[in-house]
Amino acid sequence: MLDTTVETRENDTHADEQAAFFDAIENGGDAGSSVEEALTVQRIVDGIYRSSEDGRSVALDDT
């Protein structure tokens, strides 16, 4: 059995996300992902669940 230790940064990712969002609003930048990006992410997540249920790899075209 292999014991693995994972070290991470000590930061609040939710606060980091909020700060980036507010900075984008104040400076006229991009405040978030597009609908197309969100759909792609959702298709990937769906594919992960389907792969787990079916016990096989799936292509995004299958989702």
PDB file of N, CA and C in Angstrom:
ATOM      1  N   MET A   1       0.855  -1.186   0.000  1.00  0.00           N
ATOM      2  CA  MET A   1       0.000   0.000   0.000  1.00  0.00           C
ATOM      3  C   MET A   1       0.893   1.239   0.000  1.00  0.00           C
ATOM      4  N   LEU A   2       0.555   2.190  -0.837  1.00  0.00           N
ATOM      5  CA  LEU A   2       1.326   3.418  -0.967  1.00  0.00           C
ATOM      6  C   LEU A   2       0.593   4.555  -0.260  1.00  0.00           C
ATOM      7  N   ASP A   3       1.282   5.218   0.628  1.00  0.00           N
ATOM      8  CA  ASP A   3       0.706   6.353   1.349  1.00  0.00           C
ATOM      9  C   ASP A   3       1.186   7.628   0.677  1.00  0.00           C
ATOM     10  N   THR A   4       0.260   8.463   0.266  1.00  0.00           N
ATOM     11  CA  THR A   4       0.602   9.691  -0.435  1.00  0.00           C
ATOM     12  C   THR A   4       0.103  10.894   0.356  1.00  0.00           C
ATOM     13  N   THR A   5       0.957  11.877   0.480  1.00  0.00           N
ATOM     14  CA  THR A   5       0.584  13.113   1.144  1.00  0.00           C
ATOM     15  C   THR A   5       0.480  14.213   0.086  1.00  0.00           C
ATOM     16  N   VAL A   6      -0.610  14.953   0.139  1.00  0.00           N
ATOM     17  CA  VAL A   6      -0.822  16.050  -0.794  1.00  0.00           C
ATOM     18  C   VAL A   6      -0.762  17.357  -0.018  1.00  0.00           C
ATOM     19  N   GLU A   7       0.099  18.252  -0.460  1.00  0.00           N
ATOM     20  CA  GLU A   7       0.201  19.563   0.171  1.00  0.00           C
ATOM     21  C   GLU A   7      -0.490  20.596  -0.719  1.00  0.00           C
ATOM     22  N   THR A   8      -1.311  21.427  -0.120  1.00  0.00           N
ATOM     23  CA  THR A   8      -2.026  22.458  -0.869  1.00  0.00           C
ATOM     24  C   THR A   8      -1.739  23.819  -0.256  1.00  0.00           C
ATOM     25  N   ARG A   9      -2.012  24.848  -1.050  1.00  0.00           N
ATOM     26  CA  ARG A   9      -1.870  26.208  -0.537  1.00  0.00           C
ATOM     27  C   ARG A   9      -2.978  26.471   0.474  1.00  0.00           C
ATOM     28  N   GLU A  10      -2.662  27.285   1.438  1.00  0.00           N
ATOM     29  CA  GLU A  10      -3.652  27.674   2.436  1.00  0.00           C
ATOM     30  C   GLU A  10      -4.348  28.945   1.957  1.00  0.00           C
ATOM     31  N   ASN A  11      -5.399  28.779   1.161  1.00  0.00           N
ATOM     32  CA  ASN A  11      -6.163  29.941   0.715  1.00  0.00           C
ATOM     33  C   ASN A  11      -7.634  29.564   0.589  1.00  0.00           C
ATOM     34  N   ASP A  12      -8.449  30.565   0.582  1.00  0.00           N
ATOM     35  CA  ASP A  12      -9.895  30.387   0.468  1.00  0.00           C
ATOM     36  C   ASP A  12     -10.259  30.556  -1.005  1.00  0.00           C
ATOM     37  N   THR A  13     -10.475  29.451  -1.716  1.00  0.00           N
ATOM     38  CA  THR A  13     -10.736  29.527  -3.150  1.00  0.00           C
ATOM     39  C   THR A  13     -12.032  30.261  -3.465  1.00  0.00           C
ATOM     40  N   HIS A  14     -13.013  30.183  -2.577  1.00  0.00           N
ATOM     41  CA  HIS A  14     -14.265  30.915  -2.793  1.00  0.00           C
ATOM     42  C   HIS A  14     -14.005  32.417  -2.744  1.00  0.00           C
ATOM     43  N   ALA A  15     -13.223  32.852  -1.776  1.00  0.00           N
ATOM     44  CA  ALA A  15     -12.880  34.278  -1.672  1.00  0.00           C
ATOM     45  C   ALA A  15     -12.045  34.716  -2.875  1.00  0.00           C
ATOM     46  N   ASP A  16     -11.143  33.853  -3.335  1.00  0.00           N
ATOM     47  CA  ASP A  16     -10.340  34.171  -4.524  1.00  0.00           C
ATOM     48  C   ASP A  16     -11.232  34.355  -5.746  1.00  0.00           C
ATOM     49  N   GLU A  17     -12.220  33.485  -5.900  1.00  0.00           N
ATOM     50  CA  GLU A  17     -13.147  33.573  -7.036  1.00  0.00           C
ATOM     51  C   GLU A  17     -13.964  34.865  -6.963  1.00  0.00           C
ATOM     52  N   GLN A  18     -14.425  35.206  -5.770  1.00  0.00           N
ATOM     53  CA  GLN A  18     -15.177  36.452  -5.596  1.00  0.00           C
ATOM     54  C   GLN A  18     -14.308  37.661  -5.928  1.00  0.00           C
ATOM     55  N   ALA A  19     -13.072  37.663  -5.456  1.00  0.00           N
ATOM     56  CA  ALA A  19     -12.174  38.788  -5.718  1.00  0.00           C
ATOM     57  C   ALA A  19     -11.930  38.957  -7.214  1.00  0.00           C
ATOM     58  N   ALA A  20     -11.740  37.855  -7.927  1.00  0.00           N
ATOM     59  CA  ALA A  20     -11.532  37.927  -9.377  1.00  0.00           C
ATOM     60  C   ALA A  20     -12.775  38.457 -10.070  1.00  0.00           C
ATOM     61  N   PHE A  21     -13.950  38.039  -9.619  1.00  0.00           N
ATOM     62  CA  PHE A  21     -15.210  38.503 -10.195  1.00  0.00           C
ATOM     63  C   PHE A  21     -15.376  40.012  -9.988  1.00  0.00           C
ATOM     64  N   PHE A  22     -15.169  40.478  -8.760  1.00  0.00           N
ATOM     65  CA  PHE A  22     -15.319  41.905  -8.472  1.00  0.00           C
ATOM     66  C   PHE A  22     -14.274  42.738  -9.206  1.00  0.00           C
ATOM     67  N   ASP A  23     -13.053  42.215  -9.316  1.00  0.00           N
ATOM     68  CA  ASP A  23     -12.008  42.915 -10.051  1.00  0.00           C
ATOM     69  C   ASP A  23     -12.395  43.062 -11.523  1.00  0.00           C
ATOM     70  N   ALA A  24     -12.962  42.009 -12.095  1.00  0.00           N
ATOM     71  CA  ALA A  24     -13.379  42.068 -13.496  1.00  0.00           C
ATOM     72  C   ALA A  24     -14.491  43.095 -13.694  1.00  0.00           C
ATOM     73  N   ILE A  25     -15.398  43.169 -12.755  1.00  0.00           N
ATOM     74  CA  ILE A  25     -16.485  44.147 -12.853  1.00  0.00           C
ATOM     75  C   ILE A  25     -15.933  45.568 -12.742  1.00  0.00           C
ATOM     76  N   GLU A  26     -15.077  45.812 -11.755  1.00  0.00           N
ATOM     77  CA  GLU A  26     -14.521  47.152 -11.552  1.00  0.00           C
ATOM     78  C   GLU A  26     -13.667  47.618 -12.728  1.00  0.00           C
ATOM     79  N   ASN A  27     -12.956  46.695 -13.351  1.00  0.00           N
ATOM     80  CA  ASN A  27     -12.019  47.056 -14.409  1.00  0.00           C
ATOM     81  C   ASN A  27     -12.538  46.756 -15.808  1.00  0.00           C
ATOM     82  N   GLY A  28     -13.806  46.400 -15.919  1.00  0.00           N
ATOM     83  CA  GLY A  28     -14.406  46.168 -17.229  1.00  0.00           C
ATOM     84  C   GLY A  28     -13.921  44.915 -17.929  1.00  0.00           C
ATOM     85  N   GLY A  29     -13.433  43.970 -17.171  1.00  0.00           N
ATOM     86  CA  GLY A  29     -12.918  42.742 -17.775  1.00  0.00           C
ATOM     87  C   GLY A  29     -13.977  41.670 -17.895  1.00  0.00           C
ATOM     88  N   ASP A  30     -13.522  40.476 -18.180  1.00  0.00           N
ATOM     89  CA  ASP A  30     -14.404  39.323 -18.312  1.00  0.00           C
ATOM     90  C   ASP A  30     -14.774  38.841 -16.917  1.00  0.00           C
ATOM     91  N   ALA A  31     -16.065  38.850 -16.597  1.00  0.00           N
ATOM     92  CA  ALA A  31     -16.528  38.497 -15.257  1.00  0.00           C
ATOM     93  C   ALA A  31     -16.871  37.020 -15.112  1.00  0.00           C
ATOM     94  N   GLY A  32     -16.646  36.224 -16.123  1.00  0.00           N
ATOM     95  CA  GLY A  32     -16.966  34.811 -15.973  1.00  0.00           C
ATOM     96  C   GLY A  32     -16.912  34.068 -17.274  1.00  0.00           C
ATOM     97  N   SER A  33     -17.263  32.831 -17.205  1.00  0.00           N
ATOM     98  CA  SER A  33     -17.246  31.960 -18.368  1.00  0.00           C
ATOM     99  C   SER A  33     -18.444  32.227 -19.259  1.00  0.00           C
ATOM    100  N   SER A  34     -18.292  31.886 -20.516  1.00  0.00           N
ATOM    101  CA  SER A  34     -19.402  32.022 -21.443  1.00  0.00           C
ATOM    102  C   SER A  34     -20.341  30.832 -21.296  1.00  0.00           C
ATOM    103  N   VAL A  35     -21.495  30.944 -21.887  1.00  0.00           N
ATOM    104  CA  VAL A  35     -22.464  29.853 -21.868  1.00  0.00           C
ATOM    105  C   VAL A  35     -21.873  28.617 -22.547  1.00  0.00           C
ATOM    106  N   GLU A  36     -21.135  28.832 -23.620  1.00  0.00           N
ATOM    107  CA  GLU A  36     -20.526  27.706 -24.334  1.00  0.00           C
ATOM    108  C   GLU A  36     -19.511  26.982 -23.450  1.00  0.00           C
ATOM    109  N   GLU A  37     -18.717  27.735 -22.694  1.00  0.00           N
ATOM    110  CA  GLU A  37     -17.751  27.113 -21.795  1.00  0.00           C
ATOM    111  C   GLU A  37     -18.462  26.330 -20.694  1.00  0.00           C
ATOM    112  N   ALA A  38     -19.523  26.900 -20.151  1.00  0.00           N
ATOM    113  CA  ALA A  38     -20.287  26.217 -19.104  1.00  0.00           C
ATOM    114  C   ALA A  38     -20.896  24.922 -19.637  1.00  0.00           C
ATOM    115  N   LEU A  39     -21.405  24.941 -20.859  1.00  0.00           N
ATOM    116  CA  LEU A  39     -21.975  23.741 -21.462  1.00  0.00           C
ATOM    117  C   LEU A  39     -20.906  22.667 -21.657  1.00  0.00           C
ATOM    118  N   THR A  40     -19.728  23.068 -22.096  1.00  0.00           N
ATOM    119  CA  THR A  40     -18.634  22.110 -22.277  1.00  0.00           C
ATOM    120  C   THR A  40     -18.259  21.463 -20.951  1.00  0.00           C
ATOM    121  N   VAL A  41     -18.144  22.272 -19.903  1.00  0.00           N
ATOM    122  CA  VAL A  41     -17.818  21.734 -18.582  1.00  0.00           C
ATOM    123  C   VAL A  41     -18.901  20.763 -18.126  1.00  0.00           C
ATOM    124  N   GLN A  42     -20.164  21.115 -18.330  1.00  0.00           N
ATOM    125  CA  GLN A  42     -21.255  20.239 -17.916  1.00  0.00           C
ATOM    126  C   GLN A  42     -21.230  18.927 -18.689  1.00  0.00           C
ATOM    127  N   ARG A  43     -20.898  18.985 -19.981  1.00  0.00           N
ATOM    128  CA  ARG A  43     -20.799  17.756 -20.781  1.00  0.00           C
ATOM    129  C   ARG A  43     -19.673  16.863 -20.276  1.00  0.00           C
ATOM    130  N   ILE A  44     -18.572  17.463 -19.854  1.00  0.00           N
ATOM    131  CA  ILE A  44     -17.455  16.698 -19.306  1.00  0.00           C
ATOM    132  C   ILE A  44     -17.871  16.024 -17.997  1.00  0.00           C
ATOM    133  N   VAL A  45     -18.512  16.778 -17.115  1.00  0.00           N
ATOM    134  CA  VAL A  45     -18.968  16.210 -15.844  1.00  0.00           C
ATOM    135  C   VAL A  45     -19.954  15.073 -16.091  1.00  0.00           C
ATOM    136  N   ASP A  46     -20.886  15.268 -17.009  1.00  0.00           N
ATOM    137  CA  ASP A  46     -21.843  14.221 -17.362  1.00  0.00           C
ATOM    138  C   ASP A  46     -21.108  12.982 -17.880  1.00  0.00           C
ATOM    139  N   GLY A  47     -20.088  13.195 -18.703  1.00  0.00           N
ATOM    140  CA  GLY A  47     -19.302  12.079 -19.223  1.00  0.00           C
ATOM    141  C   GLY A  47     -18.582  11.317 -18.126  1.00  0.00           C
ATOM    142  N   ILE A  48     -18.094  12.036 -17.126  1.00  0.00           N
ATOM    143  CA  ILE A  48     -17.436  11.386 -15.991  1.00  0.00           C
ATOM    144  C   ILE A  48     -18.418  10.478 -15.260  1.00  0.00           C
ATOM    145  N   TYR A  49     -19.610  10.982 -14.991  1.00  0.00           N
ATOM    146  CA  TYR A  49     -20.616  10.158 -14.313  1.00  0.00           C
ATOM    147  C   TYR A  49     -21.024   8.959 -15.163  1.00  0.00           C
ATOM    148  N   ARG A  50     -21.230   9.178 -16.450  1.00  0.00           N
ATOM    149  CA  ARG A  50     -21.617   8.079 -17.337  1.00  0.00           C
ATOM    150  C   ARG A  50     -20.514   7.023 -17.401  1.00  0.00           C
ATOM    151  N   SER A  51     -19.274   7.460 -17.492  1.00  0.00           N
ATOM    152  CA  SER A  51     -18.151   6.537 -17.527  1.00  0.00           C
ATOM    153  C   SER A  51     -18.099   5.700 -16.251  1.00  0.00           C
ATOM    154  N   SER A  52     -18.331   6.347 -15.124  1.00  0.00           N
ATOM    155  CA  SER A  52     -18.318   5.631 -13.854  1.00  0.00           C
ATOM    156  C   SER A  52     -19.440   4.601 -13.787  1.00  0.00           C
ATOM    157  N   GLU A  53     -20.625   4.975 -14.232  1.00  0.00           N
ATOM    158  CA  GLU A  53     -21.772   4.064 -14.205  1.00  0.00           C
ATOM    159  C   GLU A  53     -21.588   2.894 -15.161  1.00  0.00           C
ATOM    160  N   ASP A  54     -21.057   3.170 -16.359  1.00  0.00           N
ATOM    161  CA  ASP A  54     -20.919   2.136 -17.388  1.00  0.00           C
ATOM    162  C   ASP A  54     -19.635   1.319 -17.258  1.00  0.00           C
ATOM    163  N   GLY A  55     -18.674   1.831 -16.488  1.00  0.00           N
ATOM    164  CA  GLY A  55     -17.410   1.136 -16.330  1.00  0.00           C
ATOM    165  C   GLY A  55     -16.549   1.163 -17.580  1.00  0.00           C
ATOM    166  N   ARG A  56     -16.710   2.208 -18.382  1.00  0.00           N
ATOM    167  CA  ARG A  56     -15.927   2.331 -19.616  1.00  0.00           C
ATOM    168  C   ARG A  56     -15.701   3.809 -19.897  1.00  0.00           C
ATOM    169  N   SER A  57     -14.758   4.089 -20.779  1.00  0.00           N
ATOM    170  CA  SER A  57     -14.540   5.478 -21.181  1.00  0.00           C
ATOM    171  C   SER A  57     -15.635   5.869 -22.171  1.00  0.00           C
ATOM    172  N   VAL A  58     -15.966   7.132 -22.175  1.00  0.00           N
ATOM    173  CA  VAL A  58     -16.972   7.658 -23.092  1.00  0.00           C
ATOM    174  C   VAL A  58     -16.400   8.882 -23.796  1.00  0.00           C
ATOM    175  N   ALA A  59     -16.867   9.124 -25.009  1.00  0.00           N
ATOM    176  CA  ALA A  59     -16.482  10.328 -25.750  1.00  0.00           C
ATOM    177  C   ALA A  59     -17.512  11.420 -25.470  1.00  0.00           C
ATOM    178  N   LEU A  60     -17.083  12.666 -25.553  1.00  0.00           N
ATOM    179  CA  LEU A  60     -18.036  13.755 -25.325  1.00  0.00           C
ATOM    180  C   LEU A  60     -19.172  13.710 -26.324  1.00  0.00           C
ATOM    181  N   ASP A  61     -18.926  13.168 -27.498  1.00  0.00           N
ATOM    182  CA  ASP A  61     -19.991  13.053 -28.496  1.00  0.00           C
ATOM    183  C   ASP A  61     -21.093  12.116 -28.019  1.00  0.00           C
ATOM    184  N   ASP A  62     -20.768  11.191 -27.077  1.00  0.00           N
ATOM    185  CA  ASP A  62     -21.726  10.217 -26.559  1.00  0.00           C
ATOM    186  C   ASP A  62     -22.621  10.804 -25.476  1.00  0.00           C
ATOM    187  N   THR A  63     -22.281  11.989 -24.951  1.00  0.00           N
ATOM    188  CA  THR A  63     -23.009  12.525 -23.796  1.00  0.00           C
ATOM    189  C   THR A  63     -24.162  13.385 -24.218  1.00  0.00           C
TER     190      THR A  63
END
